[in-house]
N, C-alpha and C. Protein backbone atom coordinates (compact mmCIF):
# COMPACT_ATOMS: atom_id res chain seq x y z
N UNK A 1 -33.70 -20.31 27.19
CA UNK A 1 -32.72 -20.95 28.08
C UNK A 1 -32.31 -22.33 27.58
N UNK A 2 -33.08 -22.87 26.66
CA UNK A 2 -32.78 -24.23 26.21
C UNK A 2 -31.46 -24.36 25.50
N UNK A 3 -30.93 -23.25 24.97
CA UNK A 3 -29.66 -23.32 24.24
C UNK A 3 -28.45 -23.42 25.16
N UNK A 4 -28.60 -23.00 26.41
CA UNK A 4 -27.43 -22.88 27.28
C UNK A 4 -26.72 -24.22 27.50
N UNK A 5 -27.43 -25.31 27.85
CA UNK A 5 -26.72 -26.58 28.04
C UNK A 5 -26.02 -27.05 26.76
N UNK A 6 -26.65 -26.82 25.63
CA UNK A 6 -26.05 -27.24 24.36
C UNK A 6 -24.73 -26.52 24.15
N UNK A 7 -24.74 -25.20 24.39
CA UNK A 7 -23.54 -24.40 24.22
C UNK A 7 -22.44 -24.85 25.17
N UNK A 8 -22.82 -25.07 26.44
CA UNK A 8 -21.83 -25.50 27.42
C UNK A 8 -21.25 -26.86 27.04
N UNK A 9 -22.10 -27.73 26.59
CA UNK A 9 -21.64 -29.06 26.19
C UNK A 9 -20.66 -28.97 25.03
N UNK A 10 -21.01 -28.15 24.05
CA UNK A 10 -20.15 -28.01 22.87
C UNK A 10 -18.80 -27.42 23.26
N UNK A 11 -18.82 -26.44 24.17
CA UNK A 11 -17.57 -25.83 24.61
C UNK A 11 -16.71 -26.86 25.36
N UNK A 12 -17.36 -27.59 26.25
CA UNK A 12 -16.61 -28.51 27.10
C UNK A 12 -15.93 -29.60 26.27
N UNK A 13 -16.60 -30.05 25.23
CA UNK A 13 -16.06 -31.16 24.45
C UNK A 13 -15.46 -30.69 23.13
N UNK A 14 -15.14 -29.39 23.06
CA UNK A 14 -14.70 -28.83 21.78
C UNK A 14 -13.42 -29.46 21.24
N UNK A 15 -12.57 -29.98 22.13
CA UNK A 15 -11.32 -30.56 21.64
C UNK A 15 -11.46 -32.05 21.31
N UNK A 16 -12.66 -32.57 21.48
CA UNK A 16 -12.85 -34.01 21.26
C UNK A 16 -13.35 -34.29 19.85
N UNK A 17 -12.94 -35.42 19.33
CA UNK A 17 -13.33 -35.83 17.99
C UNK A 17 -14.82 -36.18 17.97
N UNK A 18 -15.51 -35.70 16.95
CA UNK A 18 -16.85 -36.21 16.73
C UNK A 18 -17.99 -35.25 16.93
N UNK A 19 -17.78 -34.16 17.70
CA UNK A 19 -18.90 -33.25 17.91
C UNK A 19 -18.93 -32.19 16.82
N UNK A 20 -20.01 -31.46 16.78
CA UNK A 20 -20.22 -30.39 15.79
C UNK A 20 -19.97 -30.93 14.38
N UNK A 21 -20.59 -32.05 14.09
CA UNK A 21 -20.52 -32.56 12.72
C UNK A 21 -19.27 -33.34 12.40
N UNK A 22 -18.42 -33.60 13.38
CA UNK A 22 -17.21 -34.37 13.11
C UNK A 22 -16.11 -33.50 12.55
N UNK A 23 -14.87 -33.89 12.79
CA UNK A 23 -13.72 -33.10 12.33
C UNK A 23 -13.24 -33.58 10.98
N UNK A 24 -12.75 -32.66 10.14
CA UNK A 24 -12.16 -33.09 8.87
C UNK A 24 -10.83 -33.80 9.10
N UNK A 25 -10.35 -34.48 8.09
CA UNK A 25 -9.10 -35.22 8.19
C UNK A 25 -7.90 -34.27 8.25
N UNK A 26 -6.77 -34.81 8.73
CA UNK A 26 -5.51 -34.07 8.69
C UNK A 26 -4.90 -34.28 7.31
N UNK A 27 -5.17 -33.36 6.40
CA UNK A 27 -4.69 -33.48 5.02
C UNK A 27 -3.22 -33.12 4.90
N UNK A 28 -2.72 -32.36 5.86
CA UNK A 28 -1.35 -31.84 5.78
C UNK A 28 -0.35 -32.89 6.24
N UNK A 29 -0.69 -33.58 7.33
CA UNK A 29 0.15 -34.65 7.87
C UNK A 29 1.59 -34.18 8.10
N UNK A 30 1.71 -32.99 8.66
CA UNK A 30 3.00 -32.39 9.04
C UNK A 30 3.87 -31.98 7.86
N UNK A 31 3.36 -32.02 6.65
CA UNK A 31 4.11 -31.52 5.49
C UNK A 31 3.61 -30.11 5.18
N UNK A 32 4.37 -29.13 5.67
CA UNK A 32 3.93 -27.74 5.54
C UNK A 32 4.57 -27.04 4.34
N UNK A 33 4.98 -27.81 3.35
CA UNK A 33 5.55 -27.22 2.14
C UNK A 33 4.44 -26.88 1.16
N UNK A 34 4.54 -25.71 0.55
CA UNK A 34 3.60 -25.31 -0.50
C UNK A 34 4.39 -24.75 -1.67
N UNK A 35 4.08 -25.21 -2.87
CA UNK A 35 4.82 -24.79 -4.07
C UNK A 35 4.43 -23.40 -4.54
N UNK A 36 3.24 -22.95 -4.16
CA UNK A 36 2.73 -21.66 -4.60
C UNK A 36 2.02 -20.94 -3.46
N UNK A 37 1.91 -19.62 -3.55
CA UNK A 37 1.13 -18.90 -2.54
C UNK A 37 -0.33 -19.35 -2.55
N UNK A 38 -0.94 -19.26 -1.40
CA UNK A 38 -2.38 -19.54 -1.26
C UNK A 38 -2.76 -20.97 -1.65
N UNK A 39 -1.83 -21.90 -1.43
CA UNK A 39 -2.13 -23.33 -1.56
C UNK A 39 -2.44 -23.93 -0.19
N UNK A 40 -1.63 -23.52 0.80
CA UNK A 40 -1.77 -24.08 2.14
C UNK A 40 -1.61 -22.98 3.18
N UNK A 41 -2.66 -22.79 3.94
CA UNK A 41 -2.65 -21.84 5.05
C UNK A 41 -2.72 -22.60 6.37
N UNK A 42 -2.08 -22.05 7.40
CA UNK A 42 -2.25 -22.58 8.76
C UNK A 42 -2.75 -21.45 9.65
N UNK A 43 -3.48 -21.81 10.68
CA UNK A 43 -3.98 -20.81 11.61
C UNK A 43 -4.03 -21.37 13.02
N UNK A 44 -3.97 -20.47 13.98
CA UNK A 44 -4.08 -20.83 15.39
C UNK A 44 -4.29 -19.52 16.15
N UNK A 45 -4.56 -19.62 17.42
CA UNK A 45 -4.70 -18.43 18.27
C UNK A 45 -3.68 -18.54 19.40
N UNK A 46 -2.96 -17.45 19.67
CA UNK A 46 -2.01 -17.45 20.77
C UNK A 46 -2.35 -16.32 21.74
N UNK A 47 -1.95 -16.53 22.99
CA UNK A 47 -2.28 -15.59 24.07
C UNK A 47 -1.04 -14.83 24.52
N UNK A 48 -1.22 -13.55 24.78
CA UNK A 48 -0.19 -12.71 25.40
C UNK A 48 -0.75 -12.22 26.73
N UNK A 49 -0.03 -12.52 27.81
CA UNK A 49 -0.47 -12.07 29.13
C UNK A 49 0.45 -10.93 29.58
N UNK A 50 -0.12 -9.73 29.72
CA UNK A 50 0.63 -8.57 30.17
C UNK A 50 -0.02 -8.06 31.46
N UNK A 51 0.66 -7.17 32.21
CA UNK A 51 0.06 -6.70 33.46
C UNK A 51 -1.35 -6.15 33.31
N UNK A 52 -1.64 -5.52 32.18
CA UNK A 52 -2.97 -4.92 31.97
C UNK A 52 -4.05 -5.94 31.64
N UNK A 53 -3.66 -7.16 31.28
CA UNK A 53 -4.66 -8.17 30.93
C UNK A 53 -4.16 -9.11 29.85
N UNK A 54 -5.08 -9.79 29.19
CA UNK A 54 -4.72 -10.77 28.17
C UNK A 54 -5.16 -10.29 26.79
N UNK A 55 -4.30 -10.57 25.81
CA UNK A 55 -4.57 -10.21 24.42
C UNK A 55 -4.35 -11.46 23.57
N UNK A 56 -5.17 -11.61 22.53
CA UNK A 56 -5.10 -12.80 21.69
C UNK A 56 -4.86 -12.40 20.24
N UNK A 57 -3.97 -13.16 19.59
CA UNK A 57 -3.65 -12.95 18.18
C UNK A 57 -4.09 -14.16 17.38
N UNK A 58 -4.82 -13.91 16.30
CA UNK A 58 -5.28 -14.97 15.41
C UNK A 58 -4.81 -14.66 13.99
N UNK A 59 -3.71 -15.30 13.54
CA UNK A 59 -3.23 -15.06 12.18
C UNK A 59 -3.50 -16.23 11.24
N UNK A 60 -3.51 -15.94 9.95
CA UNK A 60 -3.42 -16.96 8.91
C UNK A 60 -2.02 -16.84 8.31
N UNK A 61 -1.27 -17.95 8.31
CA UNK A 61 0.08 -17.97 7.77
C UNK A 61 0.10 -18.79 6.48
N UNK A 62 0.71 -18.23 5.43
CA UNK A 62 0.84 -18.94 4.16
C UNK A 62 2.10 -19.79 4.20
N UNK A 63 1.96 -21.10 4.05
CA UNK A 63 3.10 -22.01 4.14
C UNK A 63 4.07 -21.87 2.97
N UNK A 64 3.68 -21.18 1.93
CA UNK A 64 4.59 -20.96 0.79
C UNK A 64 5.85 -20.23 1.25
N UNK A 65 5.68 -19.19 2.06
CA UNK A 65 6.83 -18.39 2.47
C UNK A 65 6.74 -17.86 3.90
N UNK A 66 5.72 -18.29 4.62
CA UNK A 66 5.57 -17.85 6.00
C UNK A 66 4.92 -16.49 6.16
N UNK A 67 4.32 -15.98 5.10
CA UNK A 67 3.69 -14.66 5.19
C UNK A 67 2.42 -14.70 6.03
N UNK A 68 2.28 -13.77 6.98
CA UNK A 68 0.97 -13.60 7.61
C UNK A 68 0.02 -12.93 6.62
N UNK A 69 -0.94 -13.68 6.15
CA UNK A 69 -1.87 -13.20 5.12
C UNK A 69 -2.85 -12.21 5.72
N UNK A 70 -3.32 -12.51 6.92
CA UNK A 70 -4.26 -11.66 7.64
C UNK A 70 -4.20 -12.03 9.11
N UNK A 71 -4.64 -11.11 9.95
CA UNK A 71 -4.67 -11.40 11.38
C UNK A 71 -5.69 -10.51 12.07
N UNK A 72 -6.17 -10.99 13.20
CA UNK A 72 -7.01 -10.19 14.07
C UNK A 72 -6.42 -10.26 15.47
N UNK A 73 -6.64 -9.20 16.24
CA UNK A 73 -6.13 -9.10 17.61
C UNK A 73 -7.29 -8.65 18.49
N UNK A 74 -7.46 -9.29 19.63
CA UNK A 74 -8.56 -8.91 20.51
C UNK A 74 -8.33 -9.37 21.93
N UNK A 75 -9.30 -9.12 22.78
CA UNK A 75 -9.17 -9.46 24.20
C UNK A 75 -9.93 -10.73 24.57
N UNK A 76 -10.49 -11.39 23.57
CA UNK A 76 -11.19 -12.66 23.81
C UNK A 76 -10.91 -13.61 22.65
N UNK A 77 -10.54 -14.86 22.95
CA UNK A 77 -10.24 -15.83 21.88
C UNK A 77 -11.52 -16.45 21.36
N UNK A 78 -12.38 -15.62 20.80
CA UNK A 78 -13.72 -16.09 20.45
C UNK A 78 -13.87 -16.33 18.95
N UNK A 79 -15.06 -16.75 18.56
CA UNK A 79 -15.32 -17.06 17.15
C UNK A 79 -15.16 -15.84 16.28
N UNK A 80 -15.55 -14.66 16.78
CA UNK A 80 -15.45 -13.43 15.98
C UNK A 80 -14.00 -13.14 15.61
N UNK A 81 -13.07 -13.44 16.52
CA UNK A 81 -11.64 -13.22 16.25
C UNK A 81 -11.19 -14.10 15.09
N UNK A 82 -11.55 -15.39 15.15
CA UNK A 82 -11.15 -16.34 14.11
C UNK A 82 -11.87 -16.06 12.79
N UNK A 83 -13.17 -15.82 12.86
CA UNK A 83 -13.95 -15.61 11.63
C UNK A 83 -13.55 -14.33 10.92
N UNK A 84 -13.31 -13.26 11.68
CA UNK A 84 -12.90 -11.99 11.07
C UNK A 84 -11.58 -12.13 10.34
N UNK A 85 -10.65 -12.86 10.95
CA UNK A 85 -9.36 -13.11 10.32
C UNK A 85 -9.52 -13.89 9.02
N UNK A 86 -10.36 -14.92 9.04
CA UNK A 86 -10.54 -15.75 7.85
C UNK A 86 -11.19 -14.96 6.72
N UNK A 87 -12.17 -14.13 7.05
CA UNK A 87 -12.80 -13.28 6.03
C UNK A 87 -11.76 -12.34 5.41
N UNK A 88 -10.92 -11.74 6.25
CA UNK A 88 -9.87 -10.84 5.75
C UNK A 88 -8.90 -11.59 4.84
N UNK A 89 -8.52 -12.81 5.24
CA UNK A 89 -7.59 -13.60 4.43
C UNK A 89 -8.22 -13.97 3.09
N UNK A 90 -9.47 -14.39 3.12
CA UNK A 90 -10.15 -14.78 1.87
C UNK A 90 -10.31 -13.61 0.92
N UNK A 91 -10.39 -12.40 1.46
CA UNK A 91 -10.52 -11.20 0.62
C UNK A 91 -9.26 -10.96 -0.22
N UNK A 92 -8.13 -11.60 0.15
CA UNK A 92 -6.89 -11.42 -0.61
C UNK A 92 -6.76 -12.42 -1.76
N UNK A 93 -7.64 -13.42 -1.81
CA UNK A 93 -7.52 -14.48 -2.81
C UNK A 93 -7.91 -13.99 -4.20
N UNK A 94 -7.18 -14.52 -5.18
CA UNK A 94 -7.53 -14.26 -6.58
C UNK A 94 -8.45 -15.38 -7.06
N UNK A 95 -9.20 -15.14 -8.14
CA UNK A 95 -10.07 -16.20 -8.67
C UNK A 95 -9.29 -17.49 -8.91
N UNK A 96 -9.87 -18.60 -8.48
CA UNK A 96 -9.22 -19.90 -8.67
C UNK A 96 -8.32 -20.32 -7.53
N UNK A 97 -8.01 -19.41 -6.61
CA UNK A 97 -7.18 -19.77 -5.46
C UNK A 97 -8.07 -20.30 -4.34
N UNK A 98 -7.87 -21.56 -3.99
CA UNK A 98 -8.70 -22.21 -2.97
C UNK A 98 -7.80 -22.99 -2.01
N UNK A 99 -7.20 -22.31 -1.04
CA UNK A 99 -6.24 -22.97 -0.16
C UNK A 99 -6.85 -24.06 0.71
N UNK A 100 -5.98 -24.97 1.15
CA UNK A 100 -6.29 -25.80 2.31
C UNK A 100 -6.02 -24.94 3.54
N UNK A 101 -6.94 -24.93 4.49
CA UNK A 101 -6.74 -24.19 5.74
C UNK A 101 -6.60 -25.20 6.88
N UNK A 102 -5.41 -25.24 7.48
CA UNK A 102 -5.10 -26.23 8.51
C UNK A 102 -5.14 -25.58 9.89
N UNK A 103 -5.76 -26.26 10.83
CA UNK A 103 -5.87 -25.74 12.20
C UNK A 103 -5.81 -26.90 13.19
N UNK A 104 -5.80 -26.53 14.47
CA UNK A 104 -6.00 -27.57 15.47
C UNK A 104 -7.50 -27.83 15.59
N UNK A 105 -7.89 -28.59 16.62
CA UNK A 105 -9.31 -28.96 16.74
C UNK A 105 -10.08 -28.01 17.65
N UNK A 106 -9.59 -26.80 17.81
CA UNK A 106 -10.29 -25.82 18.63
C UNK A 106 -11.70 -25.58 18.13
N UNK A 107 -12.57 -25.22 19.07
CA UNK A 107 -13.98 -25.07 18.71
C UNK A 107 -14.20 -23.96 17.70
N UNK A 108 -13.31 -22.96 17.66
CA UNK A 108 -13.49 -21.85 16.71
C UNK A 108 -13.56 -22.36 15.27
N UNK A 109 -12.83 -23.44 15.01
CA UNK A 109 -12.69 -23.95 13.64
C UNK A 109 -13.73 -25.01 13.31
N UNK A 110 -14.73 -25.14 14.21
CA UNK A 110 -15.75 -26.16 13.99
C UNK A 110 -17.16 -25.60 14.07
N UNK A 111 -17.26 -24.32 14.37
CA UNK A 111 -18.58 -23.69 14.40
C UNK A 111 -19.10 -23.45 12.99
N UNK A 112 -20.41 -23.40 12.84
CA UNK A 112 -21.01 -23.26 11.50
C UNK A 112 -20.52 -22.05 10.71
N UNK A 113 -20.28 -20.92 11.38
CA UNK A 113 -19.86 -19.71 10.65
C UNK A 113 -18.50 -19.90 9.99
N UNK A 114 -17.56 -20.53 10.72
CA UNK A 114 -16.23 -20.81 10.17
C UNK A 114 -16.37 -21.74 8.95
N UNK A 115 -17.17 -22.76 9.11
CA UNK A 115 -17.38 -23.72 8.01
C UNK A 115 -18.03 -23.03 6.82
N UNK A 116 -18.97 -22.12 7.10
CA UNK A 116 -19.64 -21.39 6.01
C UNK A 116 -18.64 -20.52 5.23
N UNK A 117 -17.75 -19.82 5.94
CA UNK A 117 -16.75 -18.98 5.27
C UNK A 117 -15.85 -19.85 4.39
N UNK A 118 -15.42 -20.99 4.93
CA UNK A 118 -14.59 -21.92 4.15
C UNK A 118 -15.32 -22.37 2.89
N UNK A 119 -16.57 -22.76 3.05
CA UNK A 119 -17.37 -23.25 1.92
C UNK A 119 -17.58 -22.16 0.88
N UNK A 120 -17.91 -20.96 1.35
CA UNK A 120 -18.17 -19.84 0.43
C UNK A 120 -16.97 -19.52 -0.45
N UNK A 121 -15.76 -19.72 0.09
CA UNK A 121 -14.55 -19.35 -0.64
C UNK A 121 -13.81 -20.57 -1.21
N UNK A 122 -14.42 -21.74 -1.10
CA UNK A 122 -13.82 -22.94 -1.68
C UNK A 122 -12.62 -23.47 -0.92
N UNK A 123 -12.48 -23.10 0.35
CA UNK A 123 -11.36 -23.59 1.15
C UNK A 123 -11.62 -25.03 1.61
N UNK A 124 -10.56 -25.82 1.64
CA UNK A 124 -10.65 -27.18 2.17
C UNK A 124 -10.10 -27.18 3.59
N UNK A 125 -10.87 -27.71 4.53
CA UNK A 125 -10.45 -27.73 5.93
C UNK A 125 -9.61 -28.96 6.23
N UNK A 126 -8.56 -28.75 7.05
CA UNK A 126 -7.70 -29.82 7.53
C UNK A 126 -7.47 -29.57 9.01
N UNK A 127 -7.45 -30.65 9.80
CA UNK A 127 -7.28 -30.49 11.24
C UNK A 127 -6.24 -31.43 11.81
N UNK A 128 -5.51 -30.93 12.81
CA UNK A 128 -4.53 -31.73 13.53
C UNK A 128 -5.22 -32.84 14.31
N UNK A 129 -4.45 -33.86 14.64
CA UNK A 129 -4.93 -34.87 15.58
C UNK A 129 -5.12 -34.20 16.94
N UNK A 130 -6.05 -34.71 17.74
CA UNK A 130 -6.37 -34.08 19.02
C UNK A 130 -5.15 -34.04 19.93
N UNK A 131 -4.85 -32.85 20.44
CA UNK A 131 -3.78 -32.67 21.41
C UNK A 131 -2.39 -32.93 20.86
N UNK A 132 -2.22 -32.79 19.54
CA UNK A 132 -0.93 -33.13 18.92
C UNK A 132 -0.30 -31.88 18.32
N UNK A 133 0.54 -31.22 19.10
CA UNK A 133 1.13 -29.94 18.70
C UNK A 133 1.95 -30.01 17.41
N UNK A 134 2.79 -31.06 17.19
CA UNK A 134 3.57 -31.09 15.95
C UNK A 134 2.73 -31.09 14.68
N UNK A 135 1.46 -31.47 14.80
CA UNK A 135 0.58 -31.47 13.63
C UNK A 135 0.29 -30.05 13.13
N UNK A 136 0.57 -29.05 13.96
CA UNK A 136 0.40 -27.67 13.51
C UNK A 136 1.70 -26.90 13.75
N UNK A 137 2.82 -27.55 13.40
CA UNK A 137 4.15 -27.01 13.69
C UNK A 137 4.42 -25.68 13.00
N UNK A 138 3.82 -25.45 11.84
CA UNK A 138 4.07 -24.19 11.12
C UNK A 138 3.52 -23.01 11.91
N UNK A 139 2.35 -23.17 12.49
CA UNK A 139 1.78 -22.11 13.32
C UNK A 139 2.57 -21.95 14.61
N UNK A 140 2.95 -23.07 15.22
CA UNK A 140 3.73 -23.02 16.46
C UNK A 140 5.06 -22.31 16.22
N UNK A 141 5.70 -22.60 15.09
CA UNK A 141 6.98 -21.97 14.76
C UNK A 141 6.85 -20.47 14.58
N UNK A 142 5.78 -20.05 13.93
CA UNK A 142 5.54 -18.62 13.75
C UNK A 142 5.38 -17.94 15.10
N UNK A 143 4.57 -18.54 15.97
CA UNK A 143 4.35 -17.94 17.29
C UNK A 143 5.65 -17.90 18.10
N UNK A 144 6.48 -18.93 17.94
CA UNK A 144 7.76 -18.95 18.65
C UNK A 144 8.65 -17.79 18.25
N UNK A 145 8.77 -17.55 16.94
CA UNK A 145 9.59 -16.42 16.46
C UNK A 145 9.01 -15.09 16.92
N UNK A 146 7.70 -14.97 16.81
CA UNK A 146 7.02 -13.73 17.19
C UNK A 146 7.27 -13.42 18.66
N UNK A 147 7.09 -14.41 19.52
CA UNK A 147 7.23 -14.16 20.95
C UNK A 147 8.69 -13.90 21.32
N UNK A 148 9.62 -14.55 20.63
CA UNK A 148 11.04 -14.32 20.89
C UNK A 148 11.43 -12.89 20.51
N UNK A 149 10.97 -12.43 19.37
CA UNK A 149 11.36 -11.11 18.86
C UNK A 149 10.57 -9.96 19.47
N UNK A 150 9.29 -10.18 19.68
CA UNK A 150 8.41 -9.08 20.09
C UNK A 150 8.10 -9.05 21.58
N UNK A 151 7.93 -10.24 22.17
CA UNK A 151 7.31 -10.31 23.50
C UNK A 151 8.28 -10.58 24.64
N UNK A 152 9.10 -11.62 24.50
CA UNK A 152 10.00 -12.01 25.58
C UNK A 152 11.09 -10.95 25.77
N UNK A 153 11.61 -10.88 26.96
CA UNK A 153 12.69 -9.95 27.31
C UNK A 153 12.26 -8.49 27.24
N UNK A 154 10.96 -8.25 27.24
CA UNK A 154 10.46 -6.88 27.27
C UNK A 154 9.48 -6.73 28.42
N UNK A 155 9.46 -5.56 29.00
CA UNK A 155 8.47 -5.28 30.04
C UNK A 155 7.32 -4.49 29.43
N UNK A 156 6.12 -4.94 29.71
CA UNK A 156 4.93 -4.22 29.25
C UNK A 156 4.20 -3.57 30.44
N UNK A 157 4.98 -3.36 31.51
CA UNK A 157 4.43 -2.65 32.67
C UNK A 157 3.99 -1.25 32.25
N UNK A 158 2.77 -0.87 32.60
CA UNK A 158 2.29 0.46 32.26
C UNK A 158 1.70 0.58 30.87
N UNK A 159 1.81 -0.49 30.07
CA UNK A 159 1.24 -0.48 28.71
C UNK A 159 -0.23 -0.89 28.79
N UNK A 160 -1.10 -0.09 28.21
CA UNK A 160 -2.53 -0.43 28.23
C UNK A 160 -2.82 -1.52 27.20
N UNK A 161 -3.98 -2.13 27.31
CA UNK A 161 -4.39 -3.15 26.34
C UNK A 161 -4.41 -2.56 24.93
N UNK A 162 -5.00 -1.38 24.78
CA UNK A 162 -5.07 -0.75 23.45
C UNK A 162 -3.69 -0.45 22.89
N UNK A 163 -2.79 0.00 23.74
CA UNK A 163 -1.41 0.27 23.30
C UNK A 163 -0.72 -1.02 22.87
N UNK A 164 -0.93 -2.08 23.65
CA UNK A 164 -0.31 -3.36 23.32
C UNK A 164 -0.84 -3.88 21.98
N UNK A 165 -2.15 -3.79 21.78
CA UNK A 165 -2.74 -4.24 20.52
C UNK A 165 -2.14 -3.47 19.34
N UNK A 166 -1.96 -2.16 19.50
CA UNK A 166 -1.36 -1.35 18.44
C UNK A 166 0.09 -1.76 18.19
N UNK A 167 0.84 -2.05 19.25
CA UNK A 167 2.23 -2.48 19.12
C UNK A 167 2.33 -3.83 18.41
N UNK A 168 1.44 -4.74 18.78
CA UNK A 168 1.44 -6.07 18.16
C UNK A 168 1.07 -5.98 16.69
N UNK A 169 0.08 -5.17 16.37
CA UNK A 169 -0.31 -4.99 14.97
C UNK A 169 0.84 -4.39 14.16
N UNK A 170 1.53 -3.43 14.75
CA UNK A 170 2.69 -2.81 14.09
C UNK A 170 3.77 -3.85 13.83
N UNK A 171 4.01 -4.73 14.81
CA UNK A 171 4.99 -5.80 14.62
C UNK A 171 4.59 -6.72 13.47
N UNK A 172 3.32 -7.08 13.40
CA UNK A 172 2.85 -7.98 12.35
C UNK A 172 3.05 -7.37 10.96
N UNK A 173 2.79 -6.08 10.83
CA UNK A 173 3.03 -5.39 9.56
C UNK A 173 4.52 -5.40 9.24
N UNK A 174 5.36 -5.13 10.25
CA UNK A 174 6.81 -5.16 10.07
C UNK A 174 7.28 -6.56 9.67
N UNK A 175 6.75 -7.57 10.33
CA UNK A 175 7.13 -8.95 10.03
C UNK A 175 6.86 -9.27 8.57
N UNK A 176 5.72 -8.84 8.08
CA UNK A 176 5.32 -9.12 6.69
C UNK A 176 6.11 -8.28 5.68
N UNK A 177 6.29 -7.00 5.99
CA UNK A 177 6.80 -6.06 4.98
C UNK A 177 8.29 -5.75 5.08
N UNK A 178 8.86 -5.84 6.29
CA UNK A 178 10.23 -5.33 6.49
C UNK A 178 11.22 -6.35 7.03
N UNK A 179 10.75 -7.31 7.83
CA UNK A 179 11.67 -8.26 8.47
C UNK A 179 12.42 -9.06 7.42
N UNK A 180 13.75 -9.08 7.52
CA UNK A 180 14.56 -9.80 6.54
C UNK A 180 14.47 -11.31 6.80
N UNK A 181 14.05 -12.04 5.79
CA UNK A 181 14.05 -13.51 5.87
C UNK A 181 15.38 -13.98 5.30
N UNK A 182 16.16 -14.70 6.10
CA UNK A 182 17.55 -15.00 5.75
C UNK A 182 17.69 -15.70 4.41
N UNK A 183 16.81 -16.65 4.12
CA UNK A 183 16.96 -17.39 2.86
C UNK A 183 16.70 -16.51 1.64
N UNK A 184 15.99 -15.41 1.83
CA UNK A 184 15.71 -14.49 0.72
C UNK A 184 16.67 -13.30 0.70
N UNK A 185 17.21 -12.92 1.86
CA UNK A 185 17.99 -11.70 1.93
C UNK A 185 17.13 -10.46 1.80
N UNK A 186 15.85 -10.62 1.98
CA UNK A 186 14.88 -9.52 1.90
C UNK A 186 13.62 -9.95 2.63
N UNK A 187 12.68 -9.03 2.72
CA UNK A 187 11.43 -9.37 3.42
C UNK A 187 10.56 -10.28 2.57
N UNK A 188 9.59 -10.91 3.22
CA UNK A 188 8.65 -11.78 2.51
C UNK A 188 7.90 -10.98 1.45
N UNK A 189 7.45 -9.79 1.81
CA UNK A 189 6.71 -8.96 0.86
C UNK A 189 7.59 -8.55 -0.32
N UNK A 190 8.84 -8.14 -0.04
CA UNK A 190 9.73 -7.74 -1.13
C UNK A 190 10.01 -8.91 -2.06
N UNK A 191 10.13 -10.12 -1.50
CA UNK A 191 10.36 -11.30 -2.34
C UNK A 191 9.15 -11.55 -3.23
N UNK A 192 7.96 -11.39 -2.69
CA UNK A 192 6.75 -11.58 -3.51
C UNK A 192 6.68 -10.54 -4.63
N UNK A 193 7.06 -9.31 -4.31
CA UNK A 193 7.09 -8.26 -5.34
C UNK A 193 8.10 -8.62 -6.42
N UNK A 194 9.29 -9.09 -6.00
CA UNK A 194 10.34 -9.48 -6.94
C UNK A 194 9.87 -10.60 -7.87
N UNK A 195 9.10 -11.52 -7.32
CA UNK A 195 8.60 -12.66 -8.12
C UNK A 195 7.36 -12.30 -8.94
N UNK A 196 6.90 -11.07 -8.79
CA UNK A 196 5.71 -10.65 -9.53
C UNK A 196 4.42 -11.19 -8.96
N UNK A 197 4.46 -11.62 -7.69
CA UNK A 197 3.27 -12.18 -7.05
C UNK A 197 2.39 -11.10 -6.44
N UNK A 198 2.98 -9.93 -6.25
CA UNK A 198 2.25 -8.79 -5.69
C UNK A 198 2.43 -7.62 -6.63
N UNK A 199 1.36 -6.91 -6.90
CA UNK A 199 1.44 -5.76 -7.81
C UNK A 199 2.23 -4.64 -7.16
């Protein structure tokens, strides 16, 4: 039982500077430009509330071209959601690729397991200032487009949680592989193939 107060304390103060070993600096400083893939990643968790319940999406977005590198979807915004996504994203890295991973100060990004995954793969952690949304504008922008295209103006009445998760996952694959990015005139994936970045 001795762990319970510690856990509650850590949760309660998770957005505050200084706990769980202190937060890393904001290395990005609102400059979300990356010259190459896998130089700068951003991540966050967003919530979808439908009649059947709540669903959470945790993606890693590559600032080079806005590609969702990996994502997890679940019914709880917990550490497993964030850690699973990061492991999946790191599995796509080639030798020598060690991105900066930028996030807000949510507790998911400060627990030992998240830090261990970053360390194991050579990722450098960067964090937004507390309560400062523009510091993670790249993630916010992605969520804005996603919700405009996929979520808003649609009724999910009668859709089960499992059905919604499948629909959201399908959208994420479409966003990566098929959605036309105006500046490219093709999808993000097709552009990477054209540039020889994807086999």
